[in-house]
Amino acid sequence: MDQTRTRIRRATSGGQNEPYNVIAGMVVALLICPNQLKMVLFGKINRLAAFEEYAR
């Protein structure tokens, strides 16, 4: 959980100033990578894992 908080802070401090910016960025990243999007939609990976990958 601490790692996730750190990544959220890092994402918001790096130009992603509002939570909706972070969410929108993750959605765009998933739309660009349809295979990853399918994995999230079909439950092979959860949204937290997708966010962590986006924030990394």
N, C-alpha and C. Protein backbone atom coordinates (compact mmCIF):
# COMPACT_ATOMS: atom_id res chain seq x y z
N MET A 1 0.81 -1.19 0.00
CA MET A 1 0.00 0.00 0.00
C MET A 1 0.87 1.27 0.00
N ASP A 2 1.97 1.23 0.75
CA ASP A 2 2.86 2.40 0.78
C ASP A 2 3.45 2.68 -0.60
N GLN A 3 3.76 1.62 -1.34
CA GLN A 3 4.30 1.79 -2.68
C GLN A 3 3.28 2.45 -3.59
N THR A 4 2.02 2.06 -3.47
CA THR A 4 0.96 2.65 -4.28
C THR A 4 0.81 4.13 -3.95
N ARG A 5 0.82 4.46 -2.67
CA ARG A 5 0.72 5.87 -2.27
C ARG A 5 1.89 6.68 -2.83
N THR A 6 3.06 6.11 -2.78
CA THR A 6 4.24 6.80 -3.31
C THR A 6 4.07 7.05 -4.80
N ARG A 7 3.59 6.05 -5.51
CA ARG A 7 3.40 6.21 -6.96
C ARG A 7 2.33 7.24 -7.27
N ILE A 8 1.28 7.27 -6.46
CA ILE A 8 0.23 8.27 -6.67
C ILE A 8 0.81 9.66 -6.44
N ARG A 9 1.56 9.83 -5.38
CA ARG A 9 2.19 11.13 -5.11
C ARG A 9 3.12 11.53 -6.25
N ARG A 10 3.88 10.57 -6.73
CA ARG A 10 4.82 10.85 -7.82
C ARG A 10 4.06 11.24 -9.08
N ALA A 11 2.97 10.54 -9.36
CA ALA A 11 2.17 10.85 -10.56
C ALA A 11 1.56 12.24 -10.44
N THR A 12 1.04 12.58 -9.26
CA THR A 12 0.41 13.88 -9.11
C THR A 12 1.44 15.01 -9.08
N SER A 13 2.65 14.74 -8.64
CA SER A 13 3.65 15.80 -8.62
C SER A 13 4.31 15.99 -9.97
N GLY A 14 4.15 15.05 -10.87
CA GLY A 14 4.79 15.13 -12.18
C GLY A 14 3.89 15.65 -13.26
N GLY A 15 3.03 16.60 -12.94
CA GLY A 15 2.16 17.17 -13.95
C GLY A 15 0.76 16.59 -13.93
N GLN A 16 0.57 15.54 -13.21
CA GLN A 16 -0.75 14.93 -13.07
C GLN A 16 -1.36 15.48 -11.77
N ASN A 17 -1.78 16.74 -11.80
CA ASN A 17 -2.13 17.45 -10.58
C ASN A 17 -3.48 17.07 -9.99
N GLU A 18 -4.35 16.52 -10.74
CA GLU A 18 -5.68 16.16 -10.25
C GLU A 18 -5.90 14.67 -10.46
N PRO A 19 -6.65 14.04 -9.56
CA PRO A 19 -6.92 12.60 -9.72
C PRO A 19 -7.53 12.26 -11.08
N TYR A 20 -8.40 13.13 -11.60
CA TYR A 20 -9.00 12.82 -12.91
C TYR A 20 -7.96 12.82 -14.02
N ASN A 21 -6.88 13.60 -13.87
CA ASN A 21 -5.80 13.57 -14.87
C ASN A 21 -5.10 12.21 -14.86
N VAL A 22 -4.87 11.68 -13.66
CA VAL A 22 -4.21 10.39 -13.53
C VAL A 22 -5.10 9.30 -14.12
N ILE A 23 -6.39 9.34 -13.78
CA ILE A 23 -7.32 8.33 -14.31
C ILE A 23 -7.40 8.43 -15.83
N ALA A 24 -7.51 9.66 -16.34
CA ALA A 24 -7.59 9.84 -17.79
C ALA A 24 -6.33 9.34 -18.48
N GLY A 25 -5.18 9.59 -17.87
CA GLY A 25 -3.92 9.11 -18.44
C GLY A 25 -3.87 7.60 -18.51
N MET A 26 -4.35 6.95 -17.44
CA MET A 26 -4.37 5.49 -17.42
C MET A 26 -5.32 4.94 -18.48
N VAL A 27 -6.48 5.59 -18.63
CA VAL A 27 -7.45 5.16 -19.64
C VAL A 27 -6.86 5.30 -21.04
N VAL A 28 -6.21 6.40 -21.29
CA VAL A 28 -5.58 6.60 -22.61
C VAL A 28 -4.52 5.53 -22.85
N ALA A 29 -3.73 5.25 -21.84
CA ALA A 29 -2.69 4.22 -21.98
C ALA A 29 -3.32 2.87 -22.30
N LEU A 30 -4.44 2.55 -21.65
CA LEU A 30 -5.11 1.27 -21.92
C LEU A 30 -5.73 1.25 -23.32
N LEU A 31 -6.24 2.38 -23.77
CA LEU A 31 -6.81 2.43 -25.12
C LEU A 31 -5.74 2.29 -26.19
N ILE A 32 -4.55 2.77 -25.89
CA ILE A 32 -3.43 2.64 -26.84
C ILE A 32 -2.94 1.19 -26.90
N CYS A 33 -3.08 0.47 -25.80
CA CYS A 33 -2.62 -0.92 -25.71
C CYS A 33 -3.81 -1.85 -25.53
N PRO A 34 -4.49 -2.22 -26.61
CA PRO A 34 -5.71 -3.01 -26.49
C PRO A 34 -5.53 -4.35 -25.78
N ASN A 35 -4.36 -4.96 -25.89
CA ASN A 35 -4.14 -6.23 -25.18
C ASN A 35 -4.21 -6.04 -23.67
N GLN A 36 -3.61 -4.94 -23.18
CA GLN A 36 -3.66 -4.63 -21.76
C GLN A 36 -5.10 -4.31 -21.32
N LEU A 37 -5.81 -3.59 -22.16
CA LEU A 37 -7.20 -3.26 -21.86
C LEU A 37 -8.04 -4.52 -21.72
N LYS A 38 -7.85 -5.47 -22.62
CA LYS A 38 -8.59 -6.74 -22.54
C LYS A 38 -8.27 -7.48 -21.25
N MET A 39 -7.01 -7.44 -20.83
CA MET A 39 -6.63 -8.12 -19.59
C MET A 39 -7.35 -7.50 -18.39
N VAL A 40 -7.50 -6.18 -18.39
CA VAL A 40 -8.22 -5.51 -17.29
C VAL A 40 -9.71 -5.84 -17.38
N LEU A 41 -10.27 -5.75 -18.57
CA LEU A 41 -11.71 -5.98 -18.73
C LEU A 41 -12.13 -7.40 -18.38
N PHE A 42 -11.27 -8.36 -18.67
CA PHE A 42 -11.62 -9.76 -18.41
C PHE A 42 -11.08 -10.27 -17.08
N GLY A 43 -10.54 -9.37 -16.26
CA GLY A 43 -10.13 -9.72 -14.91
C GLY A 43 -8.81 -10.47 -14.78
N LYS A 44 -8.02 -10.50 -15.83
CA LYS A 44 -6.72 -11.18 -15.73
C LYS A 44 -5.75 -10.35 -14.89
N ILE A 45 -5.89 -9.04 -14.92
CA ILE A 45 -5.18 -8.15 -14.01
C ILE A 45 -6.21 -7.16 -13.45
N ASN A 46 -5.95 -6.65 -12.26
CA ASN A 46 -6.90 -5.71 -11.67
C ASN A 46 -6.53 -4.28 -12.00
N ARG A 47 -7.43 -3.37 -11.68
CA ARG A 47 -7.20 -1.96 -12.00
C ARG A 47 -6.01 -1.39 -11.25
N LEU A 48 -5.79 -1.86 -10.03
CA LEU A 48 -4.65 -1.38 -9.26
C LEU A 48 -3.34 -1.71 -9.97
N ALA A 49 -3.25 -2.92 -10.51
CA ALA A 49 -2.04 -3.32 -11.24
C ALA A 49 -1.87 -2.45 -12.49
N ALA A 50 -2.97 -2.14 -13.15
CA ALA A 50 -2.90 -1.28 -14.34
C ALA A 50 -2.43 0.12 -13.94
N PHE A 51 -2.97 0.63 -12.83
CA PHE A 51 -2.53 1.94 -12.36
C PHE A 51 -1.05 1.95 -12.00
N GLU A 52 -0.63 0.92 -11.28
CA GLU A 52 0.78 0.86 -10.88
C GLU A 52 1.70 0.83 -12.08
N GLU A 53 1.29 0.11 -13.12
CA GLU A 53 2.10 0.07 -14.34
C GLU A 53 2.11 1.45 -15.00
N TYR A 54 0.96 2.10 -15.03
CA TYR A 54 0.89 3.45 -15.62
C TYR A 54 1.77 4.42 -14.83
N ALA A 55 1.71 4.34 -13.51
CA ALA A 55 2.45 5.28 -12.67
C ALA A 55 3.94 4.99 -12.64
N ARG A 56 4.32 3.79 -13.01
CA ARG A 56 5.74 3.43 -12.99
C ARG A 56 6.44 4.18 -14.04
